[in-house]
């Protein structure tokens, strides 16, 4: 499962976000996530992909940006 697919699935299943509002270009605000939910989502991602997202890099706005960051961290871990 790709980082984007994981994000989309968790947003829908755990946070009850409608699938029709989940898209790569959707911002976290458009999806309706507050700051606490974003932090919880980051913990979910860290657990799933066994990476640590540094606070200074968690500045993404869209799901595509979040997925790209996770992909970078996964690749860096494997290097």
N, C-alpha and C. Protein backbone atom coordinates (compact mmCIF):
# COMPACT_ATOMS: atom_id res chain seq x y z
N UNK A 1 0.85 -1.18 0.00
CA UNK A 1 0.00 0.00 0.00
C UNK A 1 0.90 1.24 0.00
N UNK A 2 0.60 2.15 -0.89
CA UNK A 2 1.40 3.38 -0.97
C UNK A 2 1.02 4.31 0.18
N UNK A 3 1.88 5.29 0.48
CA UNK A 3 1.52 6.25 1.53
C UNK A 3 0.19 6.97 1.24
N UNK A 4 -0.04 7.34 0.00
CA UNK A 4 -1.31 8.02 -0.31
C UNK A 4 -2.49 7.09 -0.07
N UNK A 5 -2.39 5.86 -0.52
CA UNK A 5 -3.48 4.90 -0.33
C UNK A 5 -3.75 4.69 1.16
N UNK A 6 -2.68 4.61 1.94
CA UNK A 6 -2.83 4.44 3.38
C UNK A 6 -3.53 5.66 3.99
N UNK A 7 -3.08 6.85 3.62
CA UNK A 7 -3.71 8.07 4.14
C UNK A 7 -5.20 8.10 3.80
N UNK A 8 -5.52 7.81 2.56
CA UNK A 8 -6.92 7.84 2.12
C UNK A 8 -7.75 6.83 2.90
N UNK A 9 -7.21 5.64 3.09
CA UNK A 9 -7.94 4.59 3.80
C UNK A 9 -8.16 4.97 5.27
N UNK A 10 -7.11 5.45 5.92
CA UNK A 10 -7.22 5.82 7.34
C UNK A 10 -8.18 7.00 7.51
N UNK A 11 -8.09 7.97 6.62
CA UNK A 11 -9.00 9.12 6.71
C UNK A 11 -10.45 8.67 6.62
N UNK A 12 -10.71 7.72 5.74
CA UNK A 12 -12.09 7.26 5.57
C UNK A 12 -12.52 6.34 6.73
N UNK A 13 -11.70 5.35 7.03
CA UNK A 13 -12.08 4.33 8.00
C UNK A 13 -12.04 4.84 9.45
N UNK A 14 -10.97 5.53 9.83
CA UNK A 14 -10.79 5.93 11.22
C UNK A 14 -11.38 7.29 11.55
N UNK A 15 -11.31 8.20 10.57
CA UNK A 15 -11.72 9.59 10.84
C UNK A 15 -13.02 9.97 10.12
N UNK A 16 -13.68 8.99 9.52
CA UNK A 16 -14.99 9.18 8.90
C UNK A 16 -15.03 10.29 7.85
N UNK A 17 -13.95 10.43 7.10
CA UNK A 17 -13.92 11.40 6.01
C UNK A 17 -14.53 10.73 4.78
N UNK A 18 -15.48 11.41 4.15
CA UNK A 18 -16.14 10.86 2.97
C UNK A 18 -15.12 10.67 1.84
N UNK A 19 -15.22 9.54 1.16
CA UNK A 19 -14.27 9.24 0.08
C UNK A 19 -14.29 10.30 -1.03
N UNK A 20 -15.45 10.92 -1.25
CA UNK A 20 -15.52 11.90 -2.34
C UNK A 20 -14.79 13.20 -2.06
N UNK A 21 -14.38 13.45 -0.83
CA UNK A 21 -13.58 14.65 -0.54
C UNK A 21 -12.09 14.34 -0.44
N UNK A 22 -11.75 13.06 -0.47
CA UNK A 22 -10.35 12.65 -0.39
C UNK A 22 -9.76 12.64 -1.80
N UNK A 23 -8.76 13.48 -2.00
CA UNK A 23 -8.05 13.53 -3.28
C UNK A 23 -6.63 14.02 -3.02
N UNK A 24 -5.71 13.77 -3.94
CA UNK A 24 -4.33 14.22 -3.72
C UNK A 24 -4.21 15.72 -3.48
N UNK A 25 -5.07 16.51 -4.14
CA UNK A 25 -4.97 17.96 -4.02
C UNK A 25 -5.77 18.54 -2.86
N UNK A 26 -6.49 17.68 -2.14
CA UNK A 26 -7.30 18.16 -1.01
C UNK A 26 -6.39 18.62 0.12
N UNK A 27 -6.70 19.77 0.67
CA UNK A 27 -5.94 20.24 1.82
C UNK A 27 -6.52 19.62 3.08
N UNK A 28 -5.72 19.60 4.11
CA UNK A 28 -6.18 19.03 5.37
C UNK A 28 -7.37 19.82 5.91
N UNK A 29 -7.37 21.12 5.67
CA UNK A 29 -8.48 21.96 6.11
C UNK A 29 -9.75 21.63 5.34
N UNK A 30 -9.63 21.45 4.03
CA UNK A 30 -10.79 21.10 3.20
C UNK A 30 -11.41 19.77 3.64
N UNK A 31 -10.57 18.87 4.07
CA UNK A 31 -11.05 17.57 4.51
C UNK A 31 -11.72 17.68 5.87
N UNK A 32 -11.40 18.73 6.61
CA UNK A 32 -12.03 18.96 7.90
C UNK A 32 -11.22 18.48 9.09
N UNK A 33 -9.91 18.35 8.90
CA UNK A 33 -9.06 17.88 9.99
C UNK A 33 -8.60 19.05 10.85
N UNK A 34 -8.71 18.89 12.16
CA UNK A 34 -8.15 19.89 13.06
C UNK A 34 -6.72 19.46 13.42
N UNK A 35 -6.02 20.30 14.15
CA UNK A 35 -4.60 20.04 14.43
C UNK A 35 -4.40 18.75 15.22
N UNK A 36 -5.30 18.44 16.14
CA UNK A 36 -5.17 17.21 16.92
C UNK A 36 -5.33 15.98 16.03
N UNK A 37 -6.27 16.03 15.13
CA UNK A 37 -6.49 14.91 14.22
C UNK A 37 -5.29 14.72 13.30
N UNK A 38 -4.68 15.81 12.86
CA UNK A 38 -3.49 15.71 12.02
C UNK A 38 -2.37 15.01 12.78
N UNK A 39 -2.18 15.37 14.04
CA UNK A 39 -1.15 14.72 14.85
C UNK A 39 -1.44 13.23 14.98
N UNK A 40 -2.69 12.87 15.25
CA UNK A 40 -3.05 11.46 15.35
C UNK A 40 -2.80 10.73 14.03
N UNK A 41 -3.13 11.39 12.93
CA UNK A 41 -2.89 10.80 11.61
C UNK A 41 -1.40 10.57 11.38
N UNK A 42 -0.58 11.51 11.80
CA UNK A 42 0.87 11.35 11.66
C UNK A 42 1.38 10.17 12.47
N UNK A 43 0.83 9.97 13.66
CA UNK A 43 1.21 8.80 14.45
C UNK A 43 0.83 7.51 13.73
N UNK A 44 -0.35 7.50 13.11
CA UNK A 44 -0.78 6.32 12.35
C UNK A 44 0.21 6.03 11.23
N UNK A 45 0.62 7.07 10.53
CA UNK A 45 1.56 6.92 9.41
C UNK A 45 2.91 6.42 9.91
N UNK A 46 3.39 7.01 11.00
CA UNK A 46 4.68 6.59 11.55
C UNK A 46 4.65 5.12 11.95
N UNK A 47 3.56 4.69 12.55
CA UNK A 47 3.44 3.28 12.95
C UNK A 47 3.39 2.36 11.73
N UNK A 48 2.62 2.74 10.73
CA UNK A 48 2.45 1.90 9.55
C UNK A 48 3.75 1.75 8.75
N UNK A 49 4.47 2.84 8.57
CA UNK A 49 5.65 2.83 7.69
C UNK A 49 6.97 2.78 8.46
N UNK A 50 6.87 2.75 9.80
CA UNK A 50 8.06 2.68 10.66
C UNK A 50 9.06 3.78 10.34
N UNK A 51 8.54 5.00 10.29
CA UNK A 51 9.36 6.19 10.08
C UNK A 51 9.01 7.19 11.16
N UNK A 52 9.88 8.18 11.31
CA UNK A 52 9.60 9.28 12.21
C UNK A 52 9.50 10.55 11.38
N UNK A 53 8.41 11.27 11.53
CA UNK A 53 8.22 12.50 10.78
C UNK A 53 8.67 13.66 11.66
N UNK A 54 9.80 14.27 11.32
CA UNK A 54 10.28 15.40 12.11
C UNK A 54 9.28 16.56 12.08
N UNK A 55 9.10 17.18 13.22
CA UNK A 55 8.12 18.26 13.33
C UNK A 55 8.37 19.37 12.29
N UNK A 56 9.63 19.67 12.04
CA UNK A 56 9.95 20.75 11.09
C UNK A 56 9.63 20.38 9.65
N UNK A 57 9.43 19.09 9.37
CA UNK A 57 9.08 18.66 8.01
C UNK A 57 7.59 18.43 7.84
N UNK A 58 6.84 18.51 8.92
CA UNK A 58 5.40 18.26 8.87
C UNK A 58 4.65 19.54 8.52
N UNK A 59 5.04 20.14 7.42
CA UNK A 59 4.46 21.43 7.01
C UNK A 59 3.64 21.30 5.73
N UNK A 60 3.25 20.09 5.40
CA UNK A 60 2.51 19.85 4.17
C UNK A 60 1.10 20.44 4.27
N UNK A 61 0.52 20.74 3.11
CA UNK A 61 -0.82 21.29 3.05
C UNK A 61 -1.82 20.31 2.43
N UNK A 62 -1.35 19.52 1.47
CA UNK A 62 -2.25 18.61 0.76
C UNK A 62 -1.90 17.15 1.07
N UNK A 63 -2.81 16.27 0.74
CA UNK A 63 -2.54 14.84 0.93
C UNK A 63 -1.38 14.37 0.06
N UNK A 64 -1.28 14.90 -1.14
CA UNK A 64 -0.17 14.52 -2.03
C UNK A 64 1.17 14.92 -1.41
N UNK A 65 1.23 16.10 -0.80
CA UNK A 65 2.47 16.54 -0.15
C UNK A 65 2.79 15.65 1.04
N UNK A 66 1.78 15.28 1.82
CA UNK A 66 1.99 14.39 2.96
C UNK A 66 2.50 13.03 2.49
N UNK A 67 1.88 12.49 1.46
CA UNK A 67 2.29 11.20 0.92
C UNK A 67 3.72 11.25 0.38
N UNK A 68 4.07 12.34 -0.28
CA UNK A 68 5.42 12.49 -0.83
C UNK A 68 6.45 12.53 0.30
N UNK A 69 6.13 13.22 1.38
CA UNK A 69 7.03 13.28 2.52
C UNK A 69 7.25 11.88 3.11
N UNK A 70 6.19 11.13 3.28
CA UNK A 70 6.30 9.78 3.82
C UNK A 70 7.12 8.92 2.88
N UNK A 71 6.89 9.04 1.59
CA UNK A 71 7.67 8.27 0.61
C UNK A 71 9.16 8.59 0.71
N UNK A 72 9.49 9.87 0.86
CA UNK A 72 10.90 10.28 1.03
C UNK A 72 11.50 9.66 2.28
N UNK A 73 10.77 9.68 3.37
CA UNK A 73 11.28 9.12 4.63
C UNK A 73 11.46 7.61 4.54
N UNK A 74 10.53 6.94 3.88
CA UNK A 74 10.64 5.49 3.69
C UNK A 74 11.87 5.16 2.85
N UNK A 75 12.07 5.91 1.77
CA UNK A 75 13.23 5.66 0.91
C UNK A 75 14.52 5.95 1.64
N UNK A 76 14.56 7.02 2.44
CA UNK A 76 15.77 7.37 3.19
C UNK A 76 16.08 6.29 4.23
N UNK A 77 15.07 5.71 4.80
CA UNK A 77 15.24 4.65 5.81
C UNK A 77 15.87 3.41 5.17
N UNK A 78 15.45 3.14 3.93
CA UNK A 78 15.94 1.96 3.23
C UNK A 78 17.33 2.12 2.65
N UNK A 79 17.81 3.35 2.60
CA UNK A 79 19.11 3.61 1.96
C UNK A 79 20.27 3.27 2.86
